[in-house]
Amino acid sequence: MAFLFKKFQELVQSMAKNITFGKNPRQLQFEADINRLFLYTSYNRLGKDAVETDAEEIIDMATKASVMDQQREVHENIHIQFKNICSALDKILLPDCKKATEYGSSHMQANAASHRSGLSLAIGKSGQPKSSKDVVPGTKALSQFEVSQSFKDHIGYTLDVRASQVPHKQAGQGLFISGQANVGSVIAIYPGVIYSPAYYRYIPGYPRVDSQNPYLITRYDGTVIDAQPWGSGGETREFWDGLAKAEAAYHPMGTSDRLWTMLSKPLEQTRFHVGGEVLDRRNPLAFAHFANHPANGVAPNVMLCPYDFPLTDNNMRVYIPNILYGKAGEVQMRRFGSFYFKWSDSQGRASEIPVLRTIVLVSTRELCDEEIYLNYRLSNTKRRPEWYCSVDEEEDERRWS
């Protein structure tokens, strides 16, 4: 496998410099990233028993397949990993794993009740069904730490948040992997509230949304995820609407308590736009927002990967630590510049399957008991923090061109 990975790495480096990918710099960088993700996640899917002919087939596809085809393969590779992740969490948390189908049905009923409650608020009715807390299906009484350790036993790794090893005062908390993960693994999920471009004005702190909130991230299609309300997760499976204040223990360096509280509390009218979902706040991978940018001379070991979770997979929904702000129908009708993505089938026809536009971190090499480093790719058109050292200035420029 080491020999095969070397071939993959060589192709990643050569393809990243291929200027024939896109018609403009930003499209070029998007396609280069998808190409890398295709190679890394396909390598992961091959498994330890892969033979050279399998690798050669993937390498051939990486040089010939369209970006749309590669993007579809990346999504499928990530989705397969999520199925394994969710299956492991079911075994850890469900009272009787054999009743997963029955549990999924009760989970749908719980979220349906919560959605009816939101509608009642919006149209001014006072009559509501039972509290969402009353309809949350029961799970084993395990702490977040206990779930994390059991997850490591099942999957081979888990995550820790502790003082970063990056040598500057602003580093604060960092994200660490405990255990071992192969190349192309889903290492972490970016949790929080998802905003489409149509709802930017509702992001807390608008219009200067990023002035004191370091937990905002943007996909190429313009989707923004705010992880600040999620904080460090929780200790239960509960109805979560993104309106709760994050835990003070995880304040970013230099941010005051007063400002943190202000940015964690959206405007009152936003309560009618966030439906909320029953989510497991003990998710051991919902910590991507704690990954730091590497110090000068240190290479990142993960990269961002857009993942559109199909909301039809009801049994997995509780482990996707995100909620959508606004109406899904409106989101699908909007576009962001030249980037507008719709999930499609093999014939290129747009799918009617509703999705959550999320982000995960994918490993770019084998990881073992170390800190997770993500290339932030901050725009070079704005003043950057003193601690920021560009990993690749050309990539930064293309990403934000």
Protein backbone atom coordinates (compact mmCIF):
# COMPACT_ATOMS: atom_id res chain seq x y z
CA MET A 1 0.00 0.00 0.00
CA ALA A 2 2.92 2.37 0.63
CA PHE A 3 4.00 2.03 -2.99
CA LEU A 4 0.47 2.70 -4.24
CA PHE A 5 0.11 5.76 -2.03
CA LYS A 6 3.37 7.16 -3.39
CA LYS A 7 1.91 6.93 -6.89
CA PHE A 8 -1.23 8.71 -5.70
CA GLN A 9 0.84 11.45 -4.07
CA GLU A 10 2.87 12.01 -7.22
CA LEU A 11 -0.33 12.38 -9.24
CA VAL A 12 -1.82 14.80 -6.67
CA GLN A 13 1.24 17.05 -6.98
CA SER A 14 1.27 16.98 -10.77
CA MET A 15 -2.49 17.48 -11.20
CA ALA A 16 -2.50 20.48 -8.84
CA LYS A 17 -0.23 22.30 -11.29
CA ASN A 18 -2.33 21.46 -14.35
CA ILE A 19 -3.53 24.84 -15.68
CA THR A 20 -6.02 23.25 -18.09
CA PHE A 21 -8.53 22.46 -15.33
CA GLY A 22 -10.65 25.59 -15.20
CA LYS A 23 -11.56 28.73 -17.12
CA ASN A 24 -10.85 31.05 -14.18
CA PRO A 25 -8.55 30.86 -11.12
CA ARG A 26 -11.30 30.12 -8.60
CA GLN A 27 -12.76 27.36 -10.74
CA LEU A 28 -9.24 26.03 -11.23
CA GLN A 29 -8.70 25.74 -7.48
CA PHE A 30 -12.10 24.15 -6.94
CA GLU A 31 -11.40 21.49 -9.57
CA ALA A 32 -7.89 20.89 -8.22
CA ASP A 33 -9.36 20.33 -4.73
CA ILE A 34 -12.00 17.93 -6.04
CA ASN A 35 -9.30 16.03 -7.90
CA ARG A 36 -7.24 15.65 -4.73
CA LEU A 37 -10.28 14.57 -2.74
CA PHE A 38 -11.13 12.03 -5.41
CA LEU A 39 -7.68 10.48 -5.17
CA TYR A 40 -7.50 10.50 -1.36
CA THR A 41 -11.01 9.16 -0.70
CA SER A 42 -10.76 6.57 -3.49
CA TYR A 43 -7.47 5.37 -2.03
CA ASN A 44 -9.21 5.03 1.33
CA ARG A 45 -12.06 3.08 -0.23
CA LEU A 46 -9.63 0.59 -1.80
CA GLY A 47 -8.68 -0.64 1.65
CA LYS A 48 -5.60 -2.52 2.77
CA ASP A 49 -6.11 -5.37 0.31
CA ALA A 50 -5.92 -3.15 -2.77
CA VAL A 51 -3.91 -4.33 -5.75
CA GLU A 52 -2.01 -2.20 -8.23
CA THR A 53 -4.59 -2.67 -10.99
CA ASP A 54 -7.25 -1.09 -8.76
CA ALA A 55 -5.01 1.89 -8.10
CA GLU A 56 -4.18 2.26 -11.79
CA GLU A 57 -7.89 2.39 -12.62
CA ILE A 58 -8.46 5.22 -10.15
CA ILE A 59 -5.42 7.12 -11.40
CA ASP A 60 -6.68 6.76 -14.95
CA MET A 61 -10.10 8.08 -13.95
CA ALA A 62 -8.49 11.03 -12.17
CA THR A 63 -6.89 12.14 -15.42
CA LYS A 64 -9.89 11.52 -17.68
CA ALA A 65 -13.16 11.81 -15.73
CA SER A 66 -15.08 15.08 -15.62
CA VAL A 67 -15.11 17.18 -12.46
CA MET A 68 -18.79 16.33 -11.98
CA ASP A 69 -18.05 12.60 -12.13
CA GLN A 70 -15.18 12.97 -9.67
CA GLN A 71 -17.33 15.07 -7.36
CA ARG A 72 -20.00 12.37 -7.43
CA GLU A 73 -17.41 9.73 -6.55
CA VAL A 74 -16.07 11.83 -3.69
CA HIS A 75 -19.59 12.17 -2.31
CA GLU A 76 -20.17 8.42 -2.56
CA ASN A 77 -16.82 7.66 -0.88
CA ILE A 78 -17.59 10.04 1.99
CA HIS A 79 -21.14 8.74 2.34
CA ILE A 80 -19.89 5.16 2.69
CA GLN A 81 -17.62 6.29 5.52
CA PHE A 82 -20.52 8.10 7.17
CA LYS A 83 -22.58 4.92 7.07
CA ASN A 84 -19.80 3.12 8.94
CA ILE A 85 -19.46 6.00 11.41
CA CYS A 86 -23.20 6.10 12.10
CA SER A 87 -23.40 2.32 12.38
CA ALA A 88 -20.66 2.38 15.03
CA LEU A 89 -22.45 5.14 16.96
CA ASP A 90 -25.71 3.17 16.82
CA LYS A 91 -23.96 0.17 18.35
CA ILE A 92 -22.56 2.39 21.09
CA LEU A 93 -25.66 4.43 21.88
CA LEU A 94 -28.83 2.53 21.01
CA PRO A 95 -30.35 0.35 23.76
CA ASP A 96 -30.86 -2.43 21.24
CA CYS A 97 -29.11 -2.08 17.89
CA LYS A 98 -31.54 -4.59 16.37
CA LYS A 99 -34.24 -1.97 16.75
CA ALA A 100 -32.49 0.62 14.59
CA THR A 101 -35.37 0.73 12.10
CA GLU A 102 -37.89 1.20 14.87
CA TYR A 103 -35.66 3.89 16.38
CA GLY A 104 -35.42 5.70 13.03
CA SER A 105 -39.21 5.83 12.88
CA SER A 106 -39.45 7.39 16.33
CA HIS A 107 -36.68 9.84 15.39
CA MET A 108 -38.72 11.02 12.38
CA GLN A 109 -41.76 11.48 14.60
CA ALA A 110 -39.70 13.53 17.05
CA ASN A 111 -38.45 15.88 14.36
CA ALA A 112 -41.90 16.10 12.78
CA ALA A 113 -43.26 17.24 16.14
CA SER A 114 -40.54 19.86 16.47
CA HIS A 115 -41.23 21.17 12.97
CA ARG A 116 -44.94 21.49 13.74
CA SER A 117 -44.03 23.50 16.80
CA GLY A 118 -42.01 25.92 14.67
CA LEU A 119 -44.91 26.34 12.26
CA SER A 120 -47.29 27.02 15.12
CA LEU A 121 -45.00 29.80 16.31
CA ALA A 122 -44.71 31.29 12.85
CA ILE A 123 -48.48 31.54 12.29
CA GLY A 124 -49.20 32.70 15.83
CA LYS A 125 -50.86 29.61 17.29
CA SER A 126 -50.32 28.85 20.93
CA GLY A 127 -51.34 25.21 20.85
CA GLN A 128 -48.23 23.03 20.53
CA PRO A 129 -47.57 19.33 20.74
CA LYS A 130 -45.51 17.94 23.56
CA SER A 131 -42.16 19.49 24.29
CA SER A 132 -39.44 18.30 21.94
CA LYS A 133 -37.62 16.95 25.01
CA ASP A 134 -40.55 14.59 25.58
CA VAL A 135 -40.30 13.02 22.12
CA VAL A 136 -36.51 12.51 21.90
CA PRO A 137 -35.90 8.74 21.62
CA GLY A 138 -33.91 7.30 24.49
CA THR A 139 -30.25 6.26 24.27
CA LYS A 140 -27.74 4.73 26.66
CA ALA A 141 -26.73 7.10 29.47
CA LEU A 142 -23.15 7.55 28.29
CA SER A 143 -21.09 10.72 28.70
CA GLN A 144 -19.41 12.46 25.78
CA PHE A 145 -16.07 11.06 26.94
CA GLU A 146 -17.43 7.51 27.17
CA VAL A 147 -18.93 7.75 23.67
CA SER A 148 -15.62 9.07 22.34
CA GLN A 149 -13.62 6.20 23.82
CA SER A 150 -16.06 3.55 22.59
CA PHE A 151 -15.98 5.14 19.14
CA LYS A 152 -12.19 4.80 19.11
CA ASP A 153 -12.56 1.11 19.90
CA HIS A 154 -14.92 0.66 16.93
CA ILE A 155 -13.33 2.93 14.29
CA GLY A 156 -9.72 3.19 15.43
CA TYR A 157 -9.55 6.88 16.28
CA THR A 158 -11.35 9.69 18.05
CA LEU A 159 -10.72 13.41 18.69
CA ASP A 160 -9.52 15.48 21.63
CA VAL A 161 -9.59 19.25 22.12
CA ARG A 162 -6.71 20.63 24.19
CA ALA A 163 -4.01 23.30 24.14
CA SER A 164 -2.57 23.63 20.66
CA GLN A 165 1.09 23.01 19.87
CA VAL A 166 1.14 25.88 17.35
CA PRO A 167 3.70 28.35 18.80
CA HIS A 168 1.76 31.61 18.94
CA LYS A 169 -0.48 33.19 21.58
CA GLN A 170 -3.59 33.21 19.39
CA ALA A 171 -3.55 29.44 18.83
CA GLY A 172 -5.62 28.64 21.92
CA GLN A 173 -7.30 25.23 21.73
CA GLY A 174 -6.27 22.73 19.07
CA LEU A 175 -7.74 19.54 17.63
CA PHE A 176 -5.91 16.24 18.12
CA ILE A 177 -6.50 12.77 16.78
CA SER A 178 -6.20 9.94 19.29
CA GLY A 179 -5.53 6.68 17.48
CA GLN A 180 -4.75 6.02 13.84
CA ALA A 181 -6.56 6.96 10.61
CA ASN A 182 -5.76 6.04 7.04
CA VAL A 183 -5.37 8.46 4.14
CA GLY A 184 -8.70 9.79 2.88
CA SER A 185 -10.54 9.23 6.17
CA VAL A 186 -13.27 11.51 7.47
CA ILE A 187 -11.47 12.96 10.48
CA ALA A 188 -13.93 15.59 11.66
CA ILE A 189 -17.27 17.21 10.85
CA TYR A 190 -17.85 20.98 10.86
CA PRO A 191 -20.91 21.44 13.11
CA GLY A 192 -23.35 24.31 13.48
CA VAL A 193 -25.92 26.39 11.65
CA ILE A 194 -25.89 26.35 7.84
CA TYR A 195 -26.63 29.61 5.98
CA SER A 196 -27.19 29.90 2.23
CA PRO A 197 -26.27 33.22 0.55
CA ALA A 198 -29.97 34.14 0.71
CA TYR A 199 -29.72 34.30 4.52
CA TYR A 200 -26.35 35.96 5.09
CA ARG A 201 -28.03 38.93 6.76
CA TYR A 202 -29.24 36.65 9.57
CA ILE A 203 -25.76 35.51 10.57
CA PRO A 204 -25.09 36.88 14.09
CA GLY A 205 -23.00 40.05 13.95
CA TYR A 206 -23.98 40.87 10.34
CA PRO A 207 -22.51 42.59 8.36
CA ARG A 208 -19.17 42.18 10.18
CA VAL A 209 -19.85 38.52 10.84
CA ASP A 210 -16.22 37.40 11.00
CA SER A 211 -14.81 40.27 13.06
CA GLN A 212 -15.03 38.35 16.34
CA ASN A 213 -16.29 34.93 15.29
CA PRO A 214 -13.44 32.57 14.31
CA TYR A 215 -15.81 29.66 13.76
CA LEU A 216 -17.31 30.65 10.40
CA ILE A 217 -16.40 28.69 7.29
CA THR A 218 -17.45 29.01 3.64
CA ARG A 219 -17.89 26.40 0.92
CA TYR A 220 -17.14 27.12 -2.73
CA ASP A 221 -20.89 27.37 -3.43
CA GLY A 222 -21.23 30.21 -0.91
CA THR A 223 -22.77 28.14 1.89
CA VAL A 224 -21.59 29.41 5.30
CA ILE A 225 -21.48 27.28 8.46
CA ASP A 226 -21.35 28.92 11.88
CA ALA A 227 -19.97 26.50 14.47
CA GLN A 228 -19.98 28.97 17.35
CA PRO A 229 -23.43 27.95 18.68
CA TRP A 230 -22.35 24.29 18.76
CA GLY A 231 -19.39 25.00 21.03
CA SER A 232 -17.94 21.75 22.35
CA GLY A 233 -21.12 19.72 21.92
CA GLY A 234 -22.97 18.30 24.90
CA GLU A 235 -23.78 15.27 27.01
CA THR A 236 -27.14 14.16 25.60
CA ARG A 237 -29.24 13.50 22.53
CA GLU A 238 -31.58 16.46 22.39
CA PHE A 239 -33.58 18.87 20.30
CA TRP A 240 -31.09 21.50 19.07
CA ASP A 241 -32.05 24.70 17.28
CA GLY A 242 -28.73 26.57 17.29
CA LEU A 243 -29.97 29.27 19.64
CA ALA A 244 -28.21 28.01 22.77
CA LYS A 245 -25.13 29.86 24.02
CA ALA A 246 -21.81 28.08 23.50
CA GLU A 247 -19.78 26.99 26.50
CA ALA A 248 -17.50 29.69 27.90
CA ALA A 249 -14.64 27.20 28.33
CA TYR A 250 -14.03 27.28 24.60
CA HIS A 251 -13.80 31.03 24.01
CA PRO A 252 -11.28 31.85 21.28
CA MET A 253 -8.20 33.72 22.49
CA GLY A 254 -8.77 37.45 22.77
CA THR A 255 -12.58 37.36 22.61
CA SER A 256 -14.41 38.88 25.57
CA ASP A 257 -17.25 37.12 27.41
CA ARG A 258 -19.62 39.96 26.56
CA LEU A 259 -18.90 39.80 22.83
CA TRP A 260 -19.07 35.99 22.76
CA THR A 261 -22.50 36.14 24.39
CA MET A 262 -23.69 38.76 21.92
CA LEU A 263 -22.56 36.82 18.84
CA SER A 264 -23.97 33.55 20.17
CA LYS A 265 -27.45 35.07 20.42
CA PRO A 266 -29.15 35.69 17.05
CA LEU A 267 -31.84 38.31 16.51
CA GLU A 268 -35.24 37.47 17.96
CA GLN A 269 -36.92 37.09 14.56
CA THR A 270 -34.49 34.33 13.60
CA ARG A 271 -36.31 31.98 15.96
CA PHE A 272 -38.97 31.57 13.28
CA HIS A 273 -36.43 30.50 10.66
CA VAL A 274 -34.53 27.76 12.50
CA GLY A 275 -36.59 24.62 12.82
CA GLY A 276 -34.13 22.57 14.82
CA GLU A 277 -33.52 18.83 14.85
CA VAL A 278 -32.98 16.00 17.31
CA LEU A 279 -29.19 15.63 17.27
CA ASP A 280 -26.72 13.71 19.37
CA ARG A 281 -24.53 16.37 20.96
CA ARG A 282 -22.01 13.70 22.00
CA ASN A 283 -20.84 13.21 18.40
CA PRO A 284 -17.11 12.41 18.75
CA LEU A 285 -16.22 13.90 15.34
CA ALA A 286 -18.09 17.24 15.60
CA PHE A 287 -14.98 19.26 16.39
CA ALA A 288 -13.62 20.40 13.02
CA HIS A 289 -13.93 24.05 14.11
CA PHE A 290 -11.07 23.55 16.58
CA ALA A 291 -8.50 22.61 13.90
CA ASN A 292 -5.70 25.19 13.73
CA HIS A 293 -3.73 26.53 10.78
CA PRO A 294 -0.20 25.04 10.77
CA ALA A 295 2.87 26.97 11.87
CA ASN A 296 5.42 28.12 9.32
CA GLY A 297 7.13 25.12 7.72
CA VAL A 298 4.53 22.61 8.92
CA ALA A 299 2.33 20.95 6.29
CA PRO A 300 -1.44 20.60 6.80
CA ASN A 301 -2.60 17.01 7.25
CA VAL A 302 -6.31 17.42 6.38
CA MET A 303 -8.29 19.31 3.76
CA LEU A 304 -11.84 20.60 3.48
CA CYS A 305 -14.36 18.43 1.69
CA PRO A 306 -17.91 19.55 0.82
CA TYR A 307 -20.43 16.84 1.67
CA ASP A 308 -24.12 17.02 0.80
CA PHE A 309 -25.87 14.79 3.29
CA PRO A 310 -29.12 13.32 1.84
CA LEU A 311 -31.92 14.03 4.31
CA THR A 312 -33.68 10.87 3.17
CA ASP A 313 -31.23 8.85 5.30
CA ASN A 314 -33.32 9.32 8.43
CA ASN A 315 -31.43 6.85 10.62
CA MET A 316 -28.19 8.81 10.11
CA ARG A 317 -29.60 12.32 10.55
CA VAL A 318 -29.12 12.40 14.32
CA TYR A 319 -25.33 12.16 13.81
CA ILE A 320 -25.05 15.06 11.35
CA PRO A 321 -24.36 18.02 13.70
CA ASN A 322 -25.93 20.71 11.55
CA ILE A 323 -29.22 22.49 11.11
CA LEU A 324 -30.36 24.61 8.18
CA TYR A 325 -31.26 28.26 8.59
CA GLY A 326 -34.22 29.23 6.44
CA LYS A 327 -36.32 27.22 4.03
CA ALA A 328 -34.67 24.46 2.03
CA GLY A 329 -36.74 25.27 -1.06
CA GLU A 330 -35.48 28.84 -1.13
CA VAL A 331 -31.90 27.69 -0.73
CA GLN A 332 -32.14 25.43 -3.76
CA MET A 333 -33.42 28.30 -5.92
CA ARG A 334 -30.48 30.61 -5.19
CA ARG A 335 -27.07 30.75 -6.82
CA PHE A 336 -23.76 32.21 -5.69
CA GLY A 337 -21.84 33.84 -8.54
CA SER A 338 -20.73 31.18 -10.99
CA PHE A 339 -20.93 28.44 -8.34
CA TYR A 340 -24.30 26.72 -8.05
CA PHE A 341 -24.26 23.03 -7.28
CA LYS A 342 -27.13 20.57 -7.60
CA TRP A 343 -26.83 16.90 -6.84
CA SER A 344 -27.53 14.91 -10.01
CA ASP A 345 -27.76 11.32 -11.13
CA SER A 346 -25.50 9.55 -13.63
CA GLN A 347 -27.36 11.18 -16.52
CA GLY A 348 -26.79 14.64 -15.08
CA ARG A 349 -30.42 15.15 -14.10
CA ALA A 350 -31.00 17.26 -11.01
CA SER A 351 -32.13 15.26 -8.01
CA GLU A 352 -35.11 16.22 -5.90
CA ILE A 353 -33.49 14.71 -2.81
CA PRO A 354 -33.13 17.41 -0.12
CA VAL A 355 -29.62 17.72 1.29
CA LEU A 356 -27.66 19.46 4.03
CA ARG A 357 -24.64 21.21 2.55
CA THR A 358 -21.99 20.37 5.12
CA ILE A 359 -18.19 20.26 5.39
CA VAL A 360 -15.89 17.51 6.66
CA LEU A 361 -12.13 17.28 7.12
CA VAL A 362 -10.41 14.52 5.13
CA SER A 363 -6.91 13.28 5.95
CA THR A 364 -4.24 13.81 3.29
CA ARG A 365 -1.86 11.26 4.81
CA GLU A 366 -1.91 8.59 7.51
CA LEU A 367 -2.48 10.16 10.92
CA CYS A 368 -1.51 8.84 14.35
CA ASP A 369 -1.77 10.57 17.75
CA GLU A 370 -1.03 14.10 16.53
CA GLU A 371 -2.52 17.56 16.10
CA ILE A 372 -4.81 18.22 13.16
CA TYR A 373 -3.71 21.08 10.88
CA LEU A 374 -5.97 22.68 8.29
CA ASN A 375 -4.84 25.18 5.66
CA TYR A 376 -7.09 28.18 6.33
CA ARG A 377 -6.36 29.77 2.94
CA LEU A 378 -7.07 33.27 4.16
CA SER A 379 -7.68 35.84 1.44
CA ASN A 380 -4.62 37.88 0.47
CA THR A 381 -6.85 40.84 -0.41
CA LYS A 382 -7.49 41.57 3.28
CA ARG A 383 -5.18 42.11 6.21
CA ARG A 384 -4.16 38.77 7.62
CA PRO A 385 -3.35 37.98 11.26
CA GLU A 386 0.32 38.22 12.20
CA TRP A 387 0.44 34.51 12.96
CA TYR A 388 -0.77 33.47 9.49
CA CYS A 389 1.84 31.86 7.25
CA SER A 390 0.56 30.94 3.82
CA VAL A 391 0.96 27.28 2.89
CA ASP A 392 0.62 28.10 -0.81
CA GLU A 393 0.18 31.73 -1.82
CA GLU A 394 -1.05 30.80 -5.30
CA GLU A 395 -3.79 28.58 -3.88
CA ASP A 396 -4.89 31.37 -1.52
CA GLU A 397 -5.12 33.79 -4.43
CA ARG A 398 -7.05 31.37 -6.66
CA ARG A 399 -9.47 30.42 -3.87
CA TRP A 400 -10.59 34.04 -3.36
CA SER A 401 -10.12 35.45 -6.87
